[in-house]
Amino acid sequence: MPILAEEEFQFSRFDDEKNPLYRVDDSSDDEEGTEPIDEFDIPTHKVSLQELLFQNIMLVSKEKVYETIQLIKFEEKEFETPSVQACINIFGVGCEIDMKTGFRILDENPHDPTCVYIRGICHNYGLGNAEKDIDVALRLYQKAADMGSHHAITTIACQQAEDLDRCSCKNHEINNALKTAIRMGNYRACYCLAVHYLHGCRHNGKKRDIGMRLLKAAADNFYPIAMHQLAICYNFGIGTDINIPNAITWYRLAYDYGTVDALDDMIAAVRGTNEYVHRIVLGYI
């Protein structure tokens, strides 16, 4: 089971109207003050250890996160940063959970924006000695965002999208926040904006194409839910032509990296294909 479940992102279909990002108005990018985004803004760097931890730890099991870390073989120096050490100890990635050590690292690094963000997560979910308090969590997320944490910027934007009917934030402000995080290299933000472009802007060819590039960038950098949604795009022709072999490949990768629901979708896709594709999936060819 995931350590922390971000239920607002766990949807297996692009037409699921519960996803708050779908409700972001298609016309929002035409409003005054909205920053444009194009393919040149899409990150191309290899995902860092810090990014991998924060984009995956809320979605899949810590065992899957650790397997992915071992597969990518990050440089040793990436493990030495305070935020990574705090996260590893608090969530028990590749080791036993050690809240005392994790919180000591947070206490020693009050000016590290990612450490501030982690403390916000702890208050959000009541981890360790942090009392569960959403208001405190939101203040810490905002503080981390103000300090330059793209993880915090993305989290705030997604929460505002979820509370769009209740908060004063406007569509274009949410989009701009996601675009800011994308320009800072956040692949989770790539996924979130891709969902909006591929569904909310499905009649806008340019945004749809950029949405596919954003989604592919996130999937290529080990974001399991982006892998799953990319498979769905190929499966049902959302933003691209239907390509069942590609869909099956990405369903399989999404499942291998921890998205359990992808298995049922892969089986359904296989049953709808011809015998040749079926044999490829089963490893006969």
Protein backbone atom coordinates (compact mmCIF):
# COMPACT_ATOMS: atom_id res chain seq x y z
CA MET A 1 0.00 0.00 0.00
CA PRO A 2 1.18 3.57 -0.59
CA ILE A 3 2.65 5.28 2.46
CA LEU A 4 0.60 8.37 1.74
CA ALA A 5 -2.31 8.32 -0.68
CA GLU A 6 -2.95 11.39 -2.82
CA GLU A 7 -6.41 10.25 -3.82
CA GLU A 8 -7.04 13.28 -6.00
CA PHE A 9 -4.53 11.91 -8.50
CA GLN A 10 -5.46 8.23 -8.50
CA PHE A 11 -7.85 8.05 -11.43
CA SER A 12 -7.67 5.39 -14.09
CA ARG A 13 -9.53 7.28 -16.84
CA PHE A 14 -9.17 10.74 -18.33
CA ASP A 15 -12.96 11.13 -18.44
CA ASP A 16 -13.32 10.75 -14.67
CA GLU A 17 -14.99 14.04 -13.74
CA LYS A 18 -13.89 13.69 -10.12
CA ASN A 19 -10.38 14.73 -11.05
CA PRO A 20 -10.19 18.39 -9.98
CA LEU A 21 -7.68 19.22 -12.69
CA TYR A 22 -10.30 18.46 -15.36
CA ARG A 23 -12.41 21.33 -14.09
CA VAL A 24 -9.75 23.91 -14.87
CA ASP A 25 -11.39 25.98 -17.60
CA ASP A 26 -10.21 25.41 -21.18
CA SER A 27 -10.17 29.17 -21.75
CA SER A 28 -7.99 29.93 -18.74
CA ASP A 29 -4.77 30.27 -20.73
CA ASP A 30 -6.36 33.04 -22.80
CA GLU A 31 -6.88 35.24 -19.74
CA GLU A 32 -4.70 38.25 -19.12
CA GLY A 33 -1.72 37.50 -16.93
CA THR A 34 -1.39 33.85 -17.94
CA GLU A 35 2.11 32.77 -18.87
CA PRO A 36 2.43 30.73 -22.07
CA ILE A 37 4.20 27.40 -22.06
CA ASP A 38 5.61 25.53 -25.01
CA GLU A 39 7.76 22.50 -25.71
CA PHE A 40 10.95 24.44 -24.91
CA ASP A 41 9.83 24.74 -21.27
CA ILE A 42 9.43 20.98 -20.81
CA PRO A 43 12.19 19.55 -18.57
CA THR A 44 14.70 17.21 -20.17
CA HIS A 45 16.97 16.45 -17.21
CA LYS A 46 17.22 13.05 -15.55
CA VAL A 47 15.06 12.93 -12.44
CA SER A 48 17.02 13.60 -9.26
CA LEU A 49 16.85 11.39 -6.18
CA GLN A 50 15.03 14.15 -4.29
CA GLU A 51 12.44 14.50 -7.07
CA LEU A 52 11.93 10.74 -7.31
CA LEU A 53 11.28 10.46 -3.58
CA PHE A 54 8.71 13.24 -3.49
CA GLN A 55 6.86 12.32 -6.69
CA ASN A 56 6.59 8.61 -5.84
CA ILE A 57 6.51 8.24 -2.05
CA MET A 58 2.83 9.29 -1.90
CA LEU A 59 1.75 6.98 -4.69
CA VAL A 60 3.45 3.62 -4.34
CA SER A 61 4.95 1.45 -1.62
CA LYS A 62 8.30 2.35 -0.09
CA GLU A 63 9.61 -0.99 -1.38
CA LYS A 64 8.82 0.04 -4.96
CA VAL A 65 10.44 3.42 -4.41
CA TYR A 66 13.58 1.71 -3.12
CA GLU A 67 13.64 -0.68 -6.09
CA THR A 68 13.48 2.28 -8.46
CA ILE A 69 16.29 4.04 -6.61
CA GLN A 70 18.47 0.95 -6.95
CA LEU A 71 17.65 0.67 -10.65
CA ILE A 72 18.56 4.27 -11.48
CA LYS A 73 21.82 4.20 -9.48
CA PHE A 74 22.00 7.80 -8.28
CA GLU A 75 25.33 9.36 -7.35
CA GLU A 76 26.35 8.96 -3.73
CA LYS A 77 26.34 12.71 -3.12
CA GLU A 78 22.58 12.84 -3.79
CA PHE A 79 22.00 10.63 -0.75
CA GLU A 80 23.89 13.07 1.47
CA THR A 81 21.54 16.06 1.13
CA PRO A 82 19.54 16.83 4.30
CA SER A 83 16.12 16.63 2.63
CA VAL A 84 16.85 13.20 1.13
CA GLN A 85 18.20 11.88 4.45
CA ALA A 86 15.16 13.22 6.30
CA CYS A 87 12.76 11.65 3.80
CA ILE A 88 14.53 8.29 3.83
CA ASN A 89 14.41 8.10 7.62
CA ILE A 90 10.85 9.38 8.07
CA PHE A 91 9.38 7.06 5.44
CA GLY A 92 11.76 4.14 5.88
CA VAL A 93 12.96 3.92 2.28
CA GLY A 94 15.56 1.15 2.20
CA CYS A 95 15.82 1.17 5.99
CA GLU A 96 13.75 1.02 9.15
CA ILE A 97 11.60 4.08 9.88
CA ASP A 98 13.55 6.41 12.16
CA MET A 99 11.38 9.39 13.02
CA LYS A 100 13.82 10.68 15.64
CA THR A 101 16.66 10.99 13.13
CA GLY A 102 14.38 12.33 10.41
CA PHE A 103 12.96 15.11 12.60
CA ARG A 104 16.42 15.93 13.97
CA ILE A 105 17.57 16.58 10.39
CA LEU A 106 14.53 18.81 9.80
CA ASP A 107 15.28 20.74 12.99
CA GLU A 108 18.90 21.24 11.90
CA ASN A 109 17.92 22.60 8.49
CA PRO A 110 15.16 25.21 9.01
CA HIS A 111 16.30 27.24 5.99
CA ASP A 112 16.23 24.32 3.54
CA PRO A 113 12.98 24.79 1.52
CA THR A 114 12.60 21.05 0.93
CA CYS A 115 12.99 20.30 4.64
CA VAL A 116 10.27 22.88 5.35
CA TYR A 117 8.11 21.11 2.75
CA ILE A 118 8.71 17.73 4.41
CA ARG A 119 7.62 19.18 7.75
CA GLY A 120 4.44 20.34 6.01
CA ILE A 121 3.82 16.77 4.81
CA CYS A 122 4.33 15.50 8.35
CA HIS A 123 1.70 17.91 9.73
CA ASN A 124 -0.61 17.14 6.81
CA TYR A 125 -0.66 13.44 7.68
CA GLY A 126 0.28 13.46 11.38
CA LEU A 127 3.63 11.70 10.99
CA GLY A 128 6.05 11.24 13.86
CA ASN A 129 5.79 13.94 16.51
CA ALA A 130 4.02 16.32 14.13
CA GLU A 131 0.40 16.83 15.16
CA LYS A 132 -1.98 16.43 12.25
CA ASP A 133 -3.01 19.98 11.41
CA ILE A 134 -3.93 20.95 7.84
CA ASP A 135 -3.67 24.68 8.55
CA VAL A 136 -0.11 24.29 9.83
CA ALA A 137 0.70 22.09 6.84
CA LEU A 138 -0.61 24.72 4.41
CA ARG A 139 1.42 27.46 6.10
CA LEU A 140 4.55 25.33 5.82
CA TYR A 141 3.81 24.50 2.16
CA GLN A 142 3.43 28.22 1.44
CA LYS A 143 6.64 29.04 3.32
CA ALA A 144 8.52 26.38 1.35
CA ALA A 145 7.05 27.69 -1.91
CA ASP A 146 8.13 31.22 -1.03
CA MET A 147 11.61 29.84 -0.38
CA GLY A 148 11.65 28.32 -3.88
CA SER A 149 10.49 24.71 -3.41
CA HIS A 150 8.89 23.51 -6.66
CA HIS A 151 7.51 20.52 -4.75
CA ALA A 152 5.56 22.91 -2.54
CA ILE A 153 4.45 25.06 -5.48
CA THR A 154 3.02 21.97 -7.21
CA THR A 155 1.29 20.70 -4.07
CA ILE A 156 -0.36 24.07 -3.42
CA ALA A 157 -1.56 24.32 -7.04
CA CYS A 158 -3.09 20.84 -6.89
CA GLN A 159 -4.83 21.58 -3.60
CA GLN A 160 -6.22 24.81 -5.05
CA ALA A 161 -7.53 22.87 -8.04
CA GLU A 162 -9.27 20.46 -5.67
CA ASP A 163 -10.82 23.38 -3.74
CA LEU A 164 -11.60 25.47 -6.83
CA ASP A 165 -15.24 25.88 -5.85
CA ARG A 166 -14.35 27.06 -2.34
CA CYS A 167 -11.15 29.09 -2.68
CA SER A 168 -10.54 32.50 -4.23
CA CYS A 169 -7.79 31.24 -6.54
CA LYS A 170 -8.55 31.48 -10.27
CA ASN A 171 -7.91 28.97 -13.05
CA HIS A 172 -5.06 30.87 -14.64
CA GLU A 173 -3.32 31.27 -11.27
CA ILE A 174 -3.31 27.50 -10.81
CA ASN A 175 -2.00 27.00 -14.34
CA ASN A 176 0.71 29.61 -13.83
CA ALA A 177 1.84 27.93 -10.60
CA LEU A 178 2.14 24.58 -12.39
CA LYS A 179 4.05 26.22 -15.24
CA THR A 180 6.44 27.82 -12.75
CA ALA A 181 7.12 24.42 -11.20
CA ILE A 182 7.60 22.89 -14.66
CA ARG A 183 10.19 25.52 -15.55
CA MET A 184 11.94 24.61 -12.29
CA GLY A 185 12.04 21.00 -13.48
CA ASN A 186 9.17 19.37 -11.56
CA TYR A 187 7.86 16.26 -13.35
CA ARG A 188 4.80 15.93 -11.10
CA ALA A 189 3.76 19.41 -12.30
CA CYS A 190 4.29 18.18 -15.88
CA TYR A 191 1.81 15.40 -15.20
CA CYS A 192 -0.75 17.70 -13.59
CA LEU A 193 -0.71 20.23 -16.45
CA ALA A 194 -0.76 17.39 -18.99
CA VAL A 195 -4.02 16.12 -17.46
CA HIS A 196 -5.55 19.56 -17.91
CA TYR A 197 -4.28 20.01 -21.47
CA LEU A 198 -5.29 16.53 -22.62
CA HIS A 199 -8.77 16.65 -21.11
CA GLY A 200 -9.81 20.24 -20.48
CA CYS A 201 -8.16 21.46 -23.70
CA ARG A 202 -8.82 18.42 -25.87
CA HIS A 203 -10.18 20.59 -28.70
CA ASN A 204 -7.05 22.76 -28.75
CA GLY A 205 -4.52 20.95 -30.94
CA LYS A 206 -1.44 22.85 -29.72
CA LYS A 207 -2.22 22.36 -26.03
CA ARG A 208 -3.08 18.70 -26.65
CA ASP A 209 0.29 18.12 -28.32
CA ILE A 210 2.15 19.88 -25.51
CA GLY A 211 0.12 17.85 -23.03
CA MET A 212 1.39 14.63 -24.59
CA ARG A 213 4.98 15.89 -24.40
CA LEU A 214 4.52 16.86 -20.76
CA LEU A 215 3.01 13.47 -19.94
CA LYS A 216 5.78 11.61 -21.78
CA ALA A 217 8.43 13.62 -19.92
CA ALA A 218 6.92 12.64 -16.56
CA ALA A 219 6.51 9.00 -17.59
CA ASP A 220 10.09 8.80 -18.88
CA ASN A 221 11.27 9.97 -15.47
CA PHE A 222 9.75 7.20 -13.41
CA TYR A 223 6.46 8.81 -12.34
CA PRO A 224 4.21 5.71 -12.21
CA ILE A 225 0.87 7.49 -12.47
CA ALA A 226 2.11 9.33 -15.58
CA MET A 227 3.13 5.98 -17.06
CA HIS A 228 -0.39 4.71 -16.41
CA GLN A 229 -2.07 7.74 -17.96
CA LEU A 230 0.24 7.61 -20.98
CA ALA A 231 -0.83 4.01 -21.50
CA ILE A 232 -4.47 5.12 -21.36
CA CYS A 233 -3.75 7.78 -23.99
CA TYR A 234 -2.34 5.17 -26.36
CA ASN A 235 -5.11 2.73 -25.49
CA PHE A 236 -7.98 5.10 -26.24
CA GLY A 237 -6.45 7.63 -28.64
CA ILE A 238 -6.38 10.60 -26.24
CA GLY A 239 -4.05 13.24 -27.66
CA THR A 240 -2.49 10.70 -30.00
CA ASP A 241 -3.37 7.83 -32.33
CA ILE A 242 -4.50 4.54 -30.80
CA ASN A 243 -1.47 2.29 -30.40
CA ILE A 244 -2.24 -0.85 -28.41
CA PRO A 245 1.33 -2.24 -28.29
CA ASN A 246 2.55 1.08 -26.85
CA ALA A 247 -0.37 1.09 -24.41
CA ILE A 248 0.50 -2.39 -23.20
CA THR A 249 4.17 -1.45 -22.79
CA TRP A 250 3.32 1.54 -20.61
CA TYR A 251 0.66 -0.36 -18.62
CA ARG A 252 3.29 -2.96 -17.86
CA LEU A 253 5.87 -0.35 -16.84
CA ALA A 254 3.32 1.46 -14.65
CA TYR A 255 2.51 -1.80 -12.90
CA ASP A 256 6.17 -2.73 -12.50
CA TYR A 257 6.86 0.64 -10.87
CA GLY A 258 4.01 0.35 -8.40
CA THR A 259 0.68 1.42 -9.98
CA VAL A 260 -1.40 -1.64 -9.11
CA ASP A 261 -4.50 -0.57 -11.10
CA ALA A 262 -2.48 -0.63 -14.33
CA LEU A 263 -2.52 -4.44 -14.33
CA ASP A 264 -6.28 -4.70 -14.87
CA ASP A 265 -6.12 -2.11 -17.63
CA MET A 266 -3.28 -4.00 -19.32
CA ILE A 267 -5.24 -7.26 -19.19
CA ALA A 268 -8.27 -5.52 -20.71
CA ALA A 269 -6.09 -4.06 -23.48
CA VAL A 270 -4.54 -7.46 -24.22
CA ARG A 271 -7.94 -9.14 -24.45
CA GLY A 272 -8.97 -6.57 -27.02
CA THR A 273 -5.98 -7.16 -29.29
CA ASN A 274 -5.11 -9.78 -31.85
CA GLU A 275 -3.19 -12.95 -31.11
CA TYR A 276 0.10 -11.48 -32.34
CA VAL A 277 0.12 -8.70 -29.74
CA HIS A 278 -1.08 -11.14 -27.11
CA ARG A 279 1.92 -13.39 -27.80
CA ILE A 280 4.33 -10.44 -27.56
CA VAL A 281 3.00 -9.51 -24.11
CA LEU A 282 3.27 -13.05 -22.86
CA GLY A 283 6.87 -13.21 -24.07
CA TYR A 284 6.43 -15.79 -26.85
CA ILE A 285 7.88 -13.50 -29.53
